Amino acid sequence: MTVRVVVAEDQSAVRAGLVLILGSAPDIEVVGEAADGERAVELARALRPDLVLMDVQMPRMDGVTATGIVVSEGLADVLVLTTFDLDAYVFGALRAGASGFLLKNAEARELIEAVRTVARGEGLIAPAVTRRLIAEFAATGRPVREPSGTDPSVLDVLTPREREVLSTLGQGLSNAEIAVRLDMAEATVKTHVSKVLGKLALRSRVQAAVLAQELGV
């Protein structure tokens, strides 16, 4: 399966580099390029790509706002590119429903694999970001859902099996790793993850991972 990607980055040289890297992968096709958030949304609506690679600091409309629109309209998954591993944009993008976060200094192979991972429906946060991001949310009580709060009773809607899946999401495991850990088929894992997100009104498995950490699941 070919992953269709829109690249949104305001710096033309950086954007060209990203397009070149992604184009080198046989299973990835860059179908559109945007220099600002508004154009990114327009292209997502028109082209319905599998994924938008989204910079956060862009003119006209920032990447966080654009991410919120793309996700809320169900246009594509969003993989956010950020320069700093714990800037405010990361938190905003997480709340907006981004499926993954990657630092701009990532190696070419890391970028390609990140696109593939998010396209498979598996959330991703760059290793340099993961623990600090989750720890920051847990320590400050920053909300990952609306209404906010970390009352354990929000998990009452989950079955015991779904709680187990939520716990593994909190550990940052992939679908394949969850399948091995819980001794179930990978397709079944995907079904459980979808149910967990739906029941908890979360937009991405990354949000689910943070919530699991907040509640100590």
N, C-alpha and C. Protein backbone atom coordinates (compact mmCIF):
# COMPACT_ATOMS: atom_id res chain seq x y z
N MET A 1 0.84 -1.20 0.00
CA MET A 1 0.00 0.00 0.00
C MET A 1 0.87 1.25 0.00
N THR A 2 0.54 2.17 -0.87
CA THR A 2 1.28 3.43 -0.93
C THR A 2 0.68 4.45 0.04
N VAL A 3 1.52 5.06 0.84
CA VAL A 3 1.08 6.09 1.78
C VAL A 3 1.12 7.44 1.09
N ARG A 4 -0.02 8.09 0.97
CA ARG A 4 -0.11 9.38 0.30
C ARG A 4 0.06 10.49 1.35
N VAL A 5 1.04 11.37 1.10
CA VAL A 5 1.42 12.36 2.12
C VAL A 5 1.36 13.78 1.58
N VAL A 6 0.86 14.70 2.41
CA VAL A 6 0.98 16.14 2.15
C VAL A 6 2.03 16.67 3.10
N VAL A 7 3.00 17.40 2.58
CA VAL A 7 4.07 17.97 3.40
C VAL A 7 3.79 19.46 3.62
N ALA A 8 3.65 19.87 4.88
CA ALA A 8 3.38 21.27 5.22
C ALA A 8 4.56 21.83 6.01
N GLU A 9 5.31 22.70 5.38
CA GLU A 9 6.52 23.30 5.98
C GLU A 9 6.77 24.63 5.29
N ASP A 10 6.93 25.70 6.07
CA ASP A 10 7.02 27.03 5.46
C ASP A 10 8.39 27.34 4.86
N GLN A 11 9.44 26.68 5.31
CA GLN A 11 10.76 26.92 4.74
C GLN A 11 10.95 26.03 3.51
N SER A 12 11.09 26.69 2.36
CA SER A 12 11.11 25.94 1.10
C SER A 12 12.25 24.93 1.02
N ALA A 13 13.43 25.28 1.54
CA ALA A 13 14.56 24.36 1.48
C ALA A 13 14.31 23.12 2.34
N VAL A 14 13.76 23.35 3.53
CA VAL A 14 13.44 22.23 4.42
C VAL A 14 12.36 21.37 3.79
N ARG A 15 11.34 22.02 3.24
CA ARG A 15 10.25 21.28 2.61
C ARG A 15 10.76 20.42 1.46
N ALA A 16 11.64 20.99 0.65
CA ALA A 16 12.20 20.24 -0.47
C ALA A 16 12.97 19.02 0.01
N GLY A 17 13.68 19.19 1.12
CA GLY A 17 14.43 18.08 1.69
C GLY A 17 13.51 16.97 2.17
N LEU A 18 12.43 17.35 2.83
CA LEU A 18 11.47 16.37 3.33
C LEU A 18 10.84 15.61 2.17
N VAL A 19 10.48 16.34 1.12
CA VAL A 19 9.87 15.72 -0.06
C VAL A 19 10.85 14.74 -0.70
N LEU A 20 12.10 15.13 -0.77
CA LEU A 20 13.13 14.28 -1.37
C LEU A 20 13.30 12.99 -0.57
N ILE A 21 13.35 13.13 0.75
CA ILE A 21 13.52 11.96 1.62
C ILE A 21 12.33 11.01 1.49
N LEU A 22 11.13 11.56 1.59
CA LEU A 22 9.94 10.71 1.52
C LEU A 22 9.80 10.08 0.14
N GLY A 23 10.16 10.83 -0.89
CA GLY A 23 10.07 10.32 -2.25
C GLY A 23 11.02 9.17 -2.53
N SER A 24 12.03 9.03 -1.70
CA SER A 24 13.00 7.94 -1.89
C SER A 24 12.45 6.60 -1.42
N ALA A 25 11.36 6.63 -0.67
CA ALA A 25 10.75 5.39 -0.17
C ALA A 25 9.75 4.87 -1.21
N PRO A 26 9.83 3.62 -1.59
CA PRO A 26 8.97 3.09 -2.64
C PRO A 26 7.49 3.04 -2.27
N ASP A 27 7.19 3.07 -0.97
CA ASP A 27 5.79 2.95 -0.54
C ASP A 27 5.21 4.28 -0.05
N ILE A 28 5.90 5.39 -0.33
CA ILE A 28 5.40 6.71 0.09
C ILE A 28 5.34 7.64 -1.12
N GLU A 29 4.23 8.34 -1.27
CA GLU A 29 4.06 9.29 -2.37
C GLU A 29 3.66 10.66 -1.81
N VAL A 30 4.44 11.68 -2.11
CA VAL A 30 4.09 13.04 -1.71
C VAL A 30 3.12 13.59 -2.75
N VAL A 31 1.88 13.82 -2.34
CA VAL A 31 0.85 14.25 -3.28
C VAL A 31 0.60 15.76 -3.24
N GLY A 32 1.17 16.45 -2.24
CA GLY A 32 0.97 17.89 -2.16
C GLY A 32 1.95 18.54 -1.21
N GLU A 33 2.22 19.83 -1.45
CA GLU A 33 3.12 20.60 -0.60
C GLU A 33 2.44 21.91 -0.20
N ALA A 34 2.62 22.29 1.07
CA ALA A 34 2.01 23.52 1.59
C ALA A 34 3.04 24.34 2.35
N ALA A 35 2.97 25.67 2.18
CA ALA A 35 3.91 26.55 2.86
C ALA A 35 3.28 27.21 4.09
N ASP A 36 2.02 26.92 4.35
CA ASP A 36 1.35 27.48 5.53
C ASP A 36 0.19 26.57 5.92
N GLY A 37 -0.35 26.82 7.12
CA GLY A 37 -1.41 25.97 7.64
C GLY A 37 -2.69 25.99 6.83
N GLU A 38 -3.06 27.16 6.33
CA GLU A 38 -4.29 27.25 5.54
C GLU A 38 -4.20 26.38 4.29
N ARG A 39 -3.06 26.44 3.63
CA ARG A 39 -2.89 25.63 2.42
C ARG A 39 -2.87 24.15 2.76
N ALA A 40 -2.31 23.81 3.90
CA ALA A 40 -2.28 22.41 4.33
C ALA A 40 -3.70 21.87 4.49
N VAL A 41 -4.56 22.67 5.09
CA VAL A 41 -5.95 22.26 5.27
C VAL A 41 -6.64 22.13 3.92
N GLU A 42 -6.42 23.11 3.05
CA GLU A 42 -7.02 23.07 1.72
C GLU A 42 -6.62 21.80 0.96
N LEU A 43 -5.34 21.48 1.01
CA LEU A 43 -4.85 20.29 0.31
C LEU A 43 -5.41 19.01 0.94
N ALA A 44 -5.51 18.99 2.26
CA ALA A 44 -6.06 17.81 2.93
C ALA A 44 -7.51 17.59 2.52
N ARG A 45 -8.25 18.68 2.40
CA ARG A 45 -9.65 18.57 1.98
C ARG A 45 -9.77 18.11 0.53
N ALA A 46 -8.89 18.63 -0.30
CA ALA A 46 -8.98 18.33 -1.73
C ALA A 46 -8.41 16.96 -2.09
N LEU A 47 -7.32 16.57 -1.43
CA LEU A 47 -6.61 15.36 -1.83
C LEU A 47 -6.89 14.15 -0.94
N ARG A 48 -7.40 14.39 0.26
CA ARG A 48 -7.66 13.31 1.22
C ARG A 48 -6.47 12.35 1.32
N PRO A 49 -5.30 12.87 1.72
CA PRO A 49 -4.12 12.02 1.86
C PRO A 49 -4.26 11.09 3.06
N ASP A 50 -3.35 10.16 3.17
CA ASP A 50 -3.35 9.28 4.34
C ASP A 50 -2.77 10.02 5.54
N LEU A 51 -1.85 10.95 5.26
CA LEU A 51 -1.13 11.61 6.35
C LEU A 51 -0.68 13.00 5.93
N VAL A 52 -0.71 13.92 6.89
CA VAL A 52 -0.14 15.25 6.69
C VAL A 52 1.07 15.37 7.60
N LEU A 53 2.23 15.64 7.00
CA LEU A 53 3.44 15.91 7.77
C LEU A 53 3.43 17.40 8.06
N MET A 54 3.21 17.78 9.31
CA MET A 54 2.86 19.15 9.67
C MET A 54 3.91 19.85 10.53
N ASP A 55 4.46 20.93 10.00
CA ASP A 55 5.31 21.79 10.81
C ASP A 55 4.39 22.58 11.74
N VAL A 56 4.90 23.05 12.87
CA VAL A 56 4.02 23.75 13.80
C VAL A 56 4.07 25.27 13.65
N GLN A 57 5.23 25.80 13.33
CA GLN A 57 5.37 27.25 13.24
C GLN A 57 5.32 27.68 11.77
N MET A 58 4.11 28.04 11.32
CA MET A 58 3.91 28.45 9.94
C MET A 58 3.06 29.71 9.87
N PRO A 59 3.18 30.49 8.80
CA PRO A 59 2.38 31.72 8.65
C PRO A 59 0.92 31.43 8.30
N ARG A 60 0.10 32.46 8.39
CA ARG A 60 -1.34 32.43 8.07
C ARG A 60 -2.13 31.57 9.04
N MET A 61 -1.74 30.33 9.21
CA MET A 61 -2.36 29.45 10.19
C MET A 61 -1.29 28.52 10.71
N ASP A 62 -1.12 28.46 12.04
CA ASP A 62 -0.07 27.60 12.59
C ASP A 62 -0.44 26.13 12.48
N GLY A 63 0.55 25.29 12.66
CA GLY A 63 0.34 23.87 12.50
C GLY A 63 -0.59 23.25 13.52
N VAL A 64 -0.65 23.82 14.72
CA VAL A 64 -1.54 23.28 15.74
C VAL A 64 -3.00 23.49 15.34
N THR A 65 -3.32 24.70 14.91
CA THR A 65 -4.68 25.00 14.46
C THR A 65 -5.04 24.14 13.26
N ALA A 66 -4.11 24.04 12.31
CA ALA A 66 -4.35 23.23 11.11
C ALA A 66 -4.56 21.77 11.47
N THR A 67 -3.78 21.28 12.44
CA THR A 67 -3.93 19.90 12.88
C THR A 67 -5.33 19.66 13.43
N GLY A 68 -5.81 20.58 14.25
CA GLY A 68 -7.15 20.45 14.83
C GLY A 68 -8.22 20.34 13.76
N ILE A 69 -8.09 21.14 12.71
CA ILE A 69 -9.08 21.12 11.62
C ILE A 69 -9.00 19.81 10.84
N VAL A 70 -7.79 19.42 10.48
CA VAL A 70 -7.60 18.19 9.71
C VAL A 70 -8.14 16.97 10.46
N VAL A 71 -7.84 16.90 11.76
CA VAL A 71 -8.27 15.76 12.56
C VAL A 71 -9.78 15.79 12.80
N SER A 72 -10.31 16.96 13.17
CA SER A 72 -11.74 17.04 13.48
C SER A 72 -12.61 16.75 12.27
N GLU A 73 -12.12 17.06 11.08
CA GLU A 73 -12.88 16.78 9.86
C GLU A 73 -12.58 15.38 9.30
N GLY A 74 -11.71 14.66 9.97
CA GLY A 74 -11.39 13.30 9.55
C GLY A 74 -10.70 13.23 8.20
N LEU A 75 -9.88 14.24 7.90
CA LEU A 75 -9.25 14.32 6.58
C LEU A 75 -8.02 13.44 6.45
N ALA A 76 -7.25 13.31 7.53
CA ALA A 76 -6.01 12.53 7.49
C ALA A 76 -5.43 12.43 8.89
N ASP A 77 -4.48 11.52 9.06
CA ASP A 77 -3.69 11.49 10.28
C ASP A 77 -2.64 12.59 10.17
N VAL A 78 -2.16 13.06 11.29
CA VAL A 78 -1.17 14.14 11.28
C VAL A 78 0.07 13.72 12.06
N LEU A 79 1.21 13.85 11.41
CA LEU A 79 2.51 13.65 12.05
C LEU A 79 3.17 15.01 12.17
N VAL A 80 3.37 15.46 13.39
CA VAL A 80 3.88 16.81 13.65
C VAL A 80 5.40 16.84 13.72
N LEU A 81 5.97 17.81 13.04
CA LEU A 81 7.41 18.06 13.11
C LEU A 81 7.66 19.24 14.03
N THR A 82 8.54 19.08 14.99
CA THR A 82 8.81 20.17 15.91
C THR A 82 10.31 20.31 16.14
N THR A 83 10.75 21.52 16.39
CA THR A 83 12.17 21.78 16.63
C THR A 83 12.56 21.46 18.06
N PHE A 84 11.66 21.76 18.99
CA PHE A 84 11.96 21.56 20.40
C PHE A 84 11.12 20.43 20.96
N ASP A 85 11.73 19.61 21.80
CA ASP A 85 11.03 18.42 22.27
C ASP A 85 9.95 18.70 23.31
N LEU A 86 9.95 19.89 23.91
CA LEU A 86 8.90 20.16 24.89
C LEU A 86 8.37 21.58 24.78
N ASP A 87 8.20 22.10 23.59
CA ASP A 87 7.64 23.43 23.47
C ASP A 87 6.12 23.36 23.56
N ALA A 88 5.50 24.51 23.69
CA ALA A 88 4.05 24.56 23.86
C ALA A 88 3.32 23.96 22.66
N TYR A 89 3.95 24.00 21.50
CA TYR A 89 3.31 23.47 20.31
C TYR A 89 3.04 21.98 20.42
N VAL A 90 3.93 21.25 21.08
CA VAL A 90 3.74 19.81 21.22
C VAL A 90 2.48 19.53 22.01
N PHE A 91 2.29 20.26 23.12
CA PHE A 91 1.11 20.05 23.93
C PHE A 91 -0.16 20.43 23.17
N GLY A 92 -0.08 21.55 22.44
CA GLY A 92 -1.23 21.98 21.66
C GLY A 92 -1.59 20.98 20.57
N ALA A 93 -0.57 20.45 19.91
CA ALA A 93 -0.80 19.49 18.84
C ALA A 93 -1.36 18.19 19.39
N LEU A 94 -0.93 17.81 20.58
CA LEU A 94 -1.45 16.60 21.21
C LEU A 94 -2.95 16.76 21.47
N ARG A 95 -3.32 17.89 22.05
CA ARG A 95 -4.74 18.14 22.30
C ARG A 95 -5.54 18.21 21.00
N ALA A 96 -4.89 18.69 19.95
CA ALA A 96 -5.57 18.83 18.66
C ALA A 96 -5.78 17.48 17.97
N GLY A 97 -5.12 16.45 18.47
CA GLY A 97 -5.34 15.12 17.94
C GLY A 97 -4.27 14.58 17.03
N ALA A 98 -3.08 15.16 17.07
CA ALA A 98 -1.98 14.65 16.25
C ALA A 98 -1.68 13.20 16.62
N SER A 99 -1.34 12.42 15.62
CA SER A 99 -1.07 11.00 15.83
C SER A 99 0.39 10.71 16.14
N GLY A 100 1.25 11.69 15.92
CA GLY A 100 2.66 11.46 16.18
C GLY A 100 3.46 12.74 16.22
N PHE A 101 4.64 12.66 16.83
CA PHE A 101 5.53 13.80 16.96
C PHE A 101 6.94 13.35 16.63
N LEU A 102 7.63 14.15 15.84
CA LEU A 102 8.99 13.82 15.45
C LEU A 102 9.82 15.10 15.44
N LEU A 103 11.04 15.01 15.97
CA LEU A 103 11.92 16.17 15.96
C LEU A 103 12.49 16.38 14.56
N LYS A 104 12.69 17.65 14.21
CA LYS A 104 13.17 17.98 12.87
C LYS A 104 14.57 17.46 12.60
N ASN A 105 15.32 17.19 13.65
CA ASN A 105 16.68 16.70 13.43
C ASN A 105 16.74 15.17 13.29
N ALA A 106 15.59 14.56 13.11
CA ALA A 106 15.54 13.11 12.95
C ALA A 106 16.25 12.69 11.66
N GLU A 107 16.83 11.52 11.68
CA GLU A 107 17.49 10.98 10.49
C GLU A 107 16.45 10.64 9.42
N ALA A 108 16.88 10.56 8.18
CA ALA A 108 15.96 10.27 7.07
C ALA A 108 15.20 8.97 7.29
N ARG A 109 15.90 7.95 7.73
CA ARG A 109 15.24 6.66 7.95
C ARG A 109 14.20 6.74 9.06
N GLU A 110 14.46 7.60 10.06
CA GLU A 110 13.50 7.77 11.15
C GLU A 110 12.24 8.45 10.65
N LEU A 111 12.41 9.42 9.76
CA LEU A 111 11.27 10.12 9.19
C LEU A 111 10.40 9.17 8.38
N ILE A 112 11.04 8.38 7.54
CA ILE A 112 10.30 7.43 6.70
C ILE A 112 9.56 6.42 7.56
N GLU A 113 10.22 5.90 8.56
CA GLU A 113 9.59 4.90 9.42
C GLU A 113 8.46 5.52 10.24
N ALA A 114 8.62 6.79 10.63
CA ALA A 114 7.57 7.48 11.38
C ALA A 114 6.31 7.61 10.53
N VAL A 115 6.49 7.97 9.27
CA VAL A 115 5.34 8.08 8.37
C VAL A 115 4.65 6.73 8.23
N ARG A 116 5.42 5.68 8.05
CA ARG A 116 4.84 4.35 7.93
C ARG A 116 4.10 3.93 9.19
N THR A 117 4.68 4.24 10.34
CA THR A 117 4.07 3.86 11.62
C THR A 117 2.73 4.55 11.83
N VAL A 118 2.69 5.85 11.61
CA VAL A 118 1.44 6.60 11.78
C VAL A 118 0.41 6.16 10.75
N ALA A 119 0.86 5.89 9.53
CA ALA A 119 -0.06 5.45 8.48
C ALA A 119 -0.69 4.10 8.82
N ARG A 120 0.00 3.29 9.60
CA ARG A 120 -0.56 2.00 10.04
C ARG A 120 -1.57 2.17 11.15
N GLY A 121 -1.74 3.40 11.60
CA GLY A 121 -2.69 3.64 12.68
C GLY A 121 -2.08 3.55 14.06
N GLU A 122 -0.77 3.57 14.12
CA GLU A 122 -0.08 3.49 15.40
C GLU A 122 0.55 4.83 15.73
N GLY A 123 0.22 5.35 16.90
CA GLY A 123 0.77 6.64 17.31
C GLY A 123 2.26 6.56 17.51
N LEU A 124 2.91 7.69 17.40
CA LEU A 124 4.35 7.71 17.55
C LEU A 124 4.81 9.03 18.15
N ILE A 125 5.69 8.94 19.13
CA ILE A 125 6.36 10.12 19.65
C ILE A 125 7.84 9.82 19.60
N ALA A 126 8.62 10.76 19.11
CA ALA A 126 10.07 10.55 19.02
C ALA A 126 10.60 10.12 20.39
N PRO A 127 11.51 9.17 20.42
CA PRO A 127 12.06 8.70 21.71
C PRO A 127 12.55 9.82 22.60
N ALA A 128 13.09 10.88 22.01
CA ALA A 128 13.60 12.00 22.80
C ALA A 128 12.48 12.77 23.50
N VAL A 129 11.27 12.57 23.03
CA VAL A 129 10.14 13.33 23.56
C VAL A 129 9.30 12.52 24.53
N THR A 130 9.18 11.22 24.29
CA THR A 130 8.18 10.39 24.96
C THR A 130 8.11 10.53 26.47
N ARG A 131 9.18 10.17 27.16
CA ARG A 131 9.12 10.15 28.61
C ARG A 131 8.92 11.53 29.21
N ARG A 132 9.60 12.53 28.66
CA ARG A 132 9.47 13.88 29.19
C ARG A 132 8.07 14.42 28.95
N LEU A 133 7.51 14.11 27.79
CA LEU A 133 6.17 14.58 27.46
C LEU A 133 5.14 14.00 28.43
N ILE A 134 5.18 12.69 28.59
CA ILE A 134 4.22 12.03 29.48
C ILE A 134 4.43 12.48 30.92
N ALA A 135 5.68 12.59 31.35
CA ALA A 135 5.96 13.03 32.71
C ALA A 135 5.45 14.45 32.95
N GLU A 136 5.62 15.31 31.95
CA GLU A 136 5.16 16.69 32.09
C GLU A 136 3.65 16.76 32.22
N PHE A 137 2.95 15.98 31.41
CA PHE A 137 1.48 15.96 31.50
C PHE A 137 1.04 15.43 32.86
N ALA A 138 1.68 14.35 33.30
CA ALA A 138 1.29 13.74 34.57
C ALA A 138 1.57 14.67 35.74
N ALA A 139 2.69 15.40 35.68
CA ALA A 139 3.10 16.26 36.79
C ALA A 139 2.25 17.53 36.88
N THR A 140 1.86 18.07 35.73
CA THR A 140 1.14 19.33 35.73
C THR A 140 -0.36 19.17 35.64
N GLY A 141 -0.79 17.94 35.32
CA GLY A 141 -2.23 17.73 35.19
C GLY A 141 -2.81 18.40 33.96
N ARG A 142 -1.97 18.64 32.96
CA ARG A 142 -2.47 19.25 31.73
C ARG A 142 -3.54 18.33 31.14
N PRO A 143 -4.70 18.85 30.77
CA PRO A 143 -5.75 18.00 30.24
C PRO A 143 -5.43 17.48 28.84
N VAL A 144 -5.78 16.22 28.59
CA VAL A 144 -5.61 15.66 27.26
C VAL A 144 -6.97 15.41 26.61
N ARG A 145 -8.02 15.73 27.31
CA ARG A 145 -9.35 15.51 26.77
C ARG A 145 -10.27 16.59 27.32
N GLU A 146 -11.40 16.73 26.72
CA GLU A 146 -12.41 17.67 27.20
C GLU A 146 -13.67 16.89 27.53
N PRO A 147 -14.29 17.06 28.71
CA PRO A 147 -13.81 17.93 29.76
C PRO A 147 -12.54 17.39 30.41
N SER A 148 -11.75 18.27 31.00
CA SER A 148 -10.48 17.87 31.55
C SER A 148 -10.66 17.15 32.88
N GLY A 149 -9.58 16.58 33.36
CA GLY A 149 -9.62 15.91 34.64
C GLY A 149 -9.04 14.51 34.53
N THR A 150 -8.61 13.98 35.66
CA THR A 150 -8.03 12.65 35.66
C THR A 150 -8.73 11.76 36.67
N ASP A 151 -10.02 11.90 36.80
CA ASP A 151 -10.81 11.06 37.69
C ASP A 151 -10.80 9.63 37.14
N PRO A 152 -10.33 8.67 37.92
CA PRO A 152 -10.27 7.29 37.45
C PRO A 152 -11.61 6.74 36.98
N SER A 153 -12.70 7.34 37.41
CA SER A 153 -14.02 6.84 37.01
C SER A 153 -14.28 6.95 35.52
N VAL A 154 -13.44 7.76 34.81
CA VAL A 154 -13.63 7.88 33.36
C VAL A 154 -13.36 6.54 32.68
N LEU A 155 -12.66 5.65 33.38
CA LEU A 155 -12.32 4.36 32.80
C LEU A 155 -13.39 3.30 33.05
N ASP A 156 -14.44 3.66 33.77
CA ASP A 156 -15.48 2.68 34.10
C ASP A 156 -16.17 2.13 32.86
N VAL A 157 -16.09 2.88 31.75
CA VAL A 157 -16.76 2.43 30.52
C VAL A 157 -15.97 1.33 29.81
N LEU A 158 -14.74 1.09 30.24
CA LEU A 158 -13.90 0.10 29.59
C LEU A 158 -14.09 -1.30 30.19
N THR A 159 -13.98 -2.30 29.33
CA THR A 159 -13.98 -3.68 29.80
C THR A 159 -12.59 -3.98 30.38
N PRO A 160 -12.46 -5.06 31.15
CA PRO A 160 -11.14 -5.41 31.68
C PRO A 160 -10.09 -5.54 30.58
N ARG A 161 -10.46 -6.14 29.45
CA ARG A 161 -9.52 -6.30 28.35
C ARG A 161 -9.11 -4.95 27.77
N GLU A 162 -10.07 -4.05 27.65
CA GLU A 162 -9.77 -2.72 27.14
C GLU A 162 -8.87 -1.94 28.08
N ARG A 163 -9.00 -2.17 29.38
CA ARG A 163 -8.10 -1.54 30.34
C ARG A 163 -6.67 -2.05 30.15
N GLU A 164 -6.56 -3.34 29.87
CA GLU A 164 -5.23 -3.91 29.62
C GLU A 164 -4.61 -3.27 28.38
N VAL A 165 -5.42 -3.08 27.35
CA VAL A 165 -4.93 -2.45 26.13
C VAL A 165 -4.50 -1.02 26.41
N LEU A 166 -5.31 -0.30 27.19
CA LEU A 166 -4.96 1.08 27.54
C LEU A 166 -3.63 1.12 28.29
N SER A 167 -3.43 0.17 29.17
CA SER A 167 -2.18 0.11 29.93
C SER A 167 -0.98 -0.07 29.01
N THR A 168 -1.12 -0.94 28.01
CA THR A 168 -0.01 -1.15 27.08
C THR A 168 0.23 0.08 26.20
N LEU A 169 -0.84 0.80 25.89
CA LEU A 169 -0.67 2.05 25.15
C LEU A 169 0.14 3.04 25.99
N GLY A 170 -0.12 3.05 27.27
CA GLY A 170 0.62 3.93 28.17
C GLY A 170 2.09 3.60 28.25
N GLN A 171 2.43 2.37 27.89
CA GLN A 171 3.83 1.95 27.87
C GLN A 171 4.48 2.21 26.52
N GLY A 172 3.68 2.77 25.59
CA GLY A 172 4.21 3.11 24.28
C GLY A 172 4.39 1.94 23.34
N LEU A 173 3.68 0.84 23.59
CA LEU A 173 3.84 -0.35 22.75
C LEU A 173 3.10 -0.20 21.42
N SER A 174 3.65 -0.82 20.39
CA SER A 174 3.01 -0.84 19.08
C SER A 174 1.92 -1.92 19.08
N ASN A 175 1.11 -1.95 18.02
CA ASN A 175 0.07 -2.99 17.92
C ASN A 175 0.68 -4.39 17.95
N ALA A 176 1.79 -4.56 17.23
CA ALA A 176 2.44 -5.87 17.19
C ALA A 176 2.93 -6.27 18.59
N GLU A 177 3.50 -5.32 19.30
CA GLU A 177 4.01 -5.60 20.65
C GLU A 177 2.87 -5.89 21.62
N ILE A 178 1.75 -5.16 21.45
CA ILE A 178 0.58 -5.40 22.31
C ILE A 178 0.04 -6.80 22.04
N ALA A 179 0.01 -7.19 20.77
CA ALA A 179 -0.49 -8.51 20.40
C ALA A 179 0.30 -9.61 21.11
N VAL A 180 1.62 -9.46 21.15
CA VAL A 180 2.47 -10.44 21.83
C VAL A 180 2.24 -10.39 23.33
N ARG A 181 2.21 -9.19 23.89
CA ARG A 181 2.05 -9.03 25.34
C ARG A 181 0.74 -9.62 25.84
N LEU A 182 -0.34 -9.37 25.10
CA LEU A 182 -1.67 -9.80 25.55
C LEU A 182 -2.15 -11.08 24.87
N ASP A 183 -1.28 -11.67 24.06
CA ASP A 183 -1.60 -12.93 23.38
C ASP A 183 -2.90 -12.84 22.59
N MET A 184 -2.93 -11.91 21.65
CA MET A 184 -4.10 -11.76 20.78
C MET A 184 -3.64 -11.40 19.38
N ALA A 185 -4.52 -11.54 18.43
CA ALA A 185 -4.19 -11.21 17.05
C ALA A 185 -4.03 -9.70 16.90
N GLU A 186 -3.15 -9.28 15.99
CA GLU A 186 -2.92 -7.85 15.79
C GLU A 186 -4.19 -7.14 15.34
N ALA A 187 -5.01 -7.80 14.53
CA ALA A 187 -6.27 -7.20 14.08
C ALA A 187 -7.20 -6.96 15.27
N THR A 188 -7.16 -7.86 16.23
CA THR A 188 -7.98 -7.71 17.44
C THR A 188 -7.48 -6.53 18.27
N VAL A 189 -6.18 -6.35 18.30
CA VAL A 189 -5.59 -5.21 19.01
C VAL A 189 -6.13 -3.91 18.42
N LYS A 190 -6.11 -3.81 17.09
CA LYS A 190 -6.60 -2.60 16.42
C LYS A 190 -8.04 -2.32 16.80
N THR A 191 -8.85 -3.38 16.86
CA THR A 191 -10.26 -3.21 17.23
C THR A 191 -10.38 -2.68 18.65
N HIS A 192 -9.61 -3.25 19.56
CA HIS A 192 -9.67 -2.81 20.96
C HIS A 192 -9.19 -1.36 21.11
N VAL A 193 -8.13 -1.00 20.39
CA VAL A 193 -7.63 0.37 20.46
C VAL A 193 -8.70 1.35 19.98
N SER A 194 -9.36 1.02 18.90
CA SER A 194 -10.42 1.88 18.38
C SER A 194 -11.55 2.04 19.40
N LYS A 195 -11.90 0.95 20.06
CA LYS A 195 -12.97 1.02 21.06
C LYS A 195 -12.55 1.87 22.26
N VAL A 196 -11.30 1.72 22.67
CA VAL A 196 -10.79 2.52 23.80
C VAL A 196 -10.85 4.01 23.47
N LEU A 197 -10.39 4.37 22.28
CA LEU A 197 -10.41 5.78 21.88
C LEU A 197 -11.83 6.31 21.82
N GLY A 198 -12.73 5.52 21.25
CA GLY A 198 -14.11 5.95 21.12
C GLY A 198 -14.79 6.13 22.46
N LYS A 199 -14.62 5.17 23.36
CA LYS A 199 -15.27 5.23 24.66
C LYS A 199 -14.74 6.38 25.52
N LEU A 200 -13.46 6.71 25.36
CA LEU A 200 -12.86 7.76 26.18
C LEU A 200 -12.84 9.11 25.48
N ALA A 201 -13.44 9.17 24.28
CA ALA A 201 -13.52 10.42 23.51
C ALA A 201 -12.14 11.01 23.26
N LEU A 202 -11.20 10.15 22.92
CA LEU A 202 -9.85 10.58 22.61
C LEU A 202 -9.63 10.55 21.11
N ARG A 203 -8.78 11.45 20.61
CA ARG A 203 -8.56 11.54 19.18
C ARG A 203 -7.41 10.69 18.66
N SER A 204 -6.52 10.28 19.54
CA SER A 204 -5.37 9.50 19.08
C SER A 204 -4.88 8.58 20.20
N ARG A 205 -4.14 7.57 19.80
CA ARG A 205 -3.58 6.65 20.78
C ARG A 205 -2.49 7.33 21.60
N VAL A 206 -1.92 8.41 21.09
CA VAL A 206 -0.95 9.17 21.86
C VAL A 206 -1.65 9.82 23.06
N GLN A 207 -2.84 10.36 22.84
CA GLN A 207 -3.63 10.91 23.94
C GLN A 207 -3.97 9.81 24.94
N ALA A 208 -4.29 8.63 24.42
CA ALA A 208 -4.62 7.51 25.30
C ALA A 208 -3.41 7.13 26.15
N ALA A 209 -2.23 7.17 25.56
CA ALA A 209 -1.01 6.84 26.29
C ALA A 209 -0.78 7.80 27.44
N VAL A 210 -1.00 9.08 27.19
CA VAL A 210 -0.81 10.08 28.23
C VAL A 210 -1.85 9.91 29.34
N LEU A 211 -3.10 9.65 28.94
CA LEU A 211 -4.15 9.45 29.93
C LEU A 211 -3.84 8.24 30.81
N ALA A 212 -3.34 7.18 30.20
CA ALA A 212 -2.98 5.98 30.96
C ALA A 212 -1.92 6.31 32.00
N GLN A 213 -0.95 7.13 31.61
CA GLN A 213 0.09 7.52 32.54
C GLN A 213 -0.47 8.40 33.66
N GLU A 214 -1.36 9.32 33.30
CA GLU A 214 -1.95 10.20 34.30
C GLU A 214 -2.70 9.41 35.38
N LEU A 215 -3.39 8.36 34.93
CA LEU A 215 -4.23 7.59 35.85
C LEU A 215 -3.51 6.39 36.44
N GLY A 216 -2.26 6.19 36.04
CA GLY A 216 -1.50 5.08 36.58
C GLY A 216 -2.05 3.72 36.23
N VAL A 217 -2.60 3.62 35.02
CA VAL A 217 -3.21 2.36 34.59
C VAL A 217 -2.13 1.32 34.29
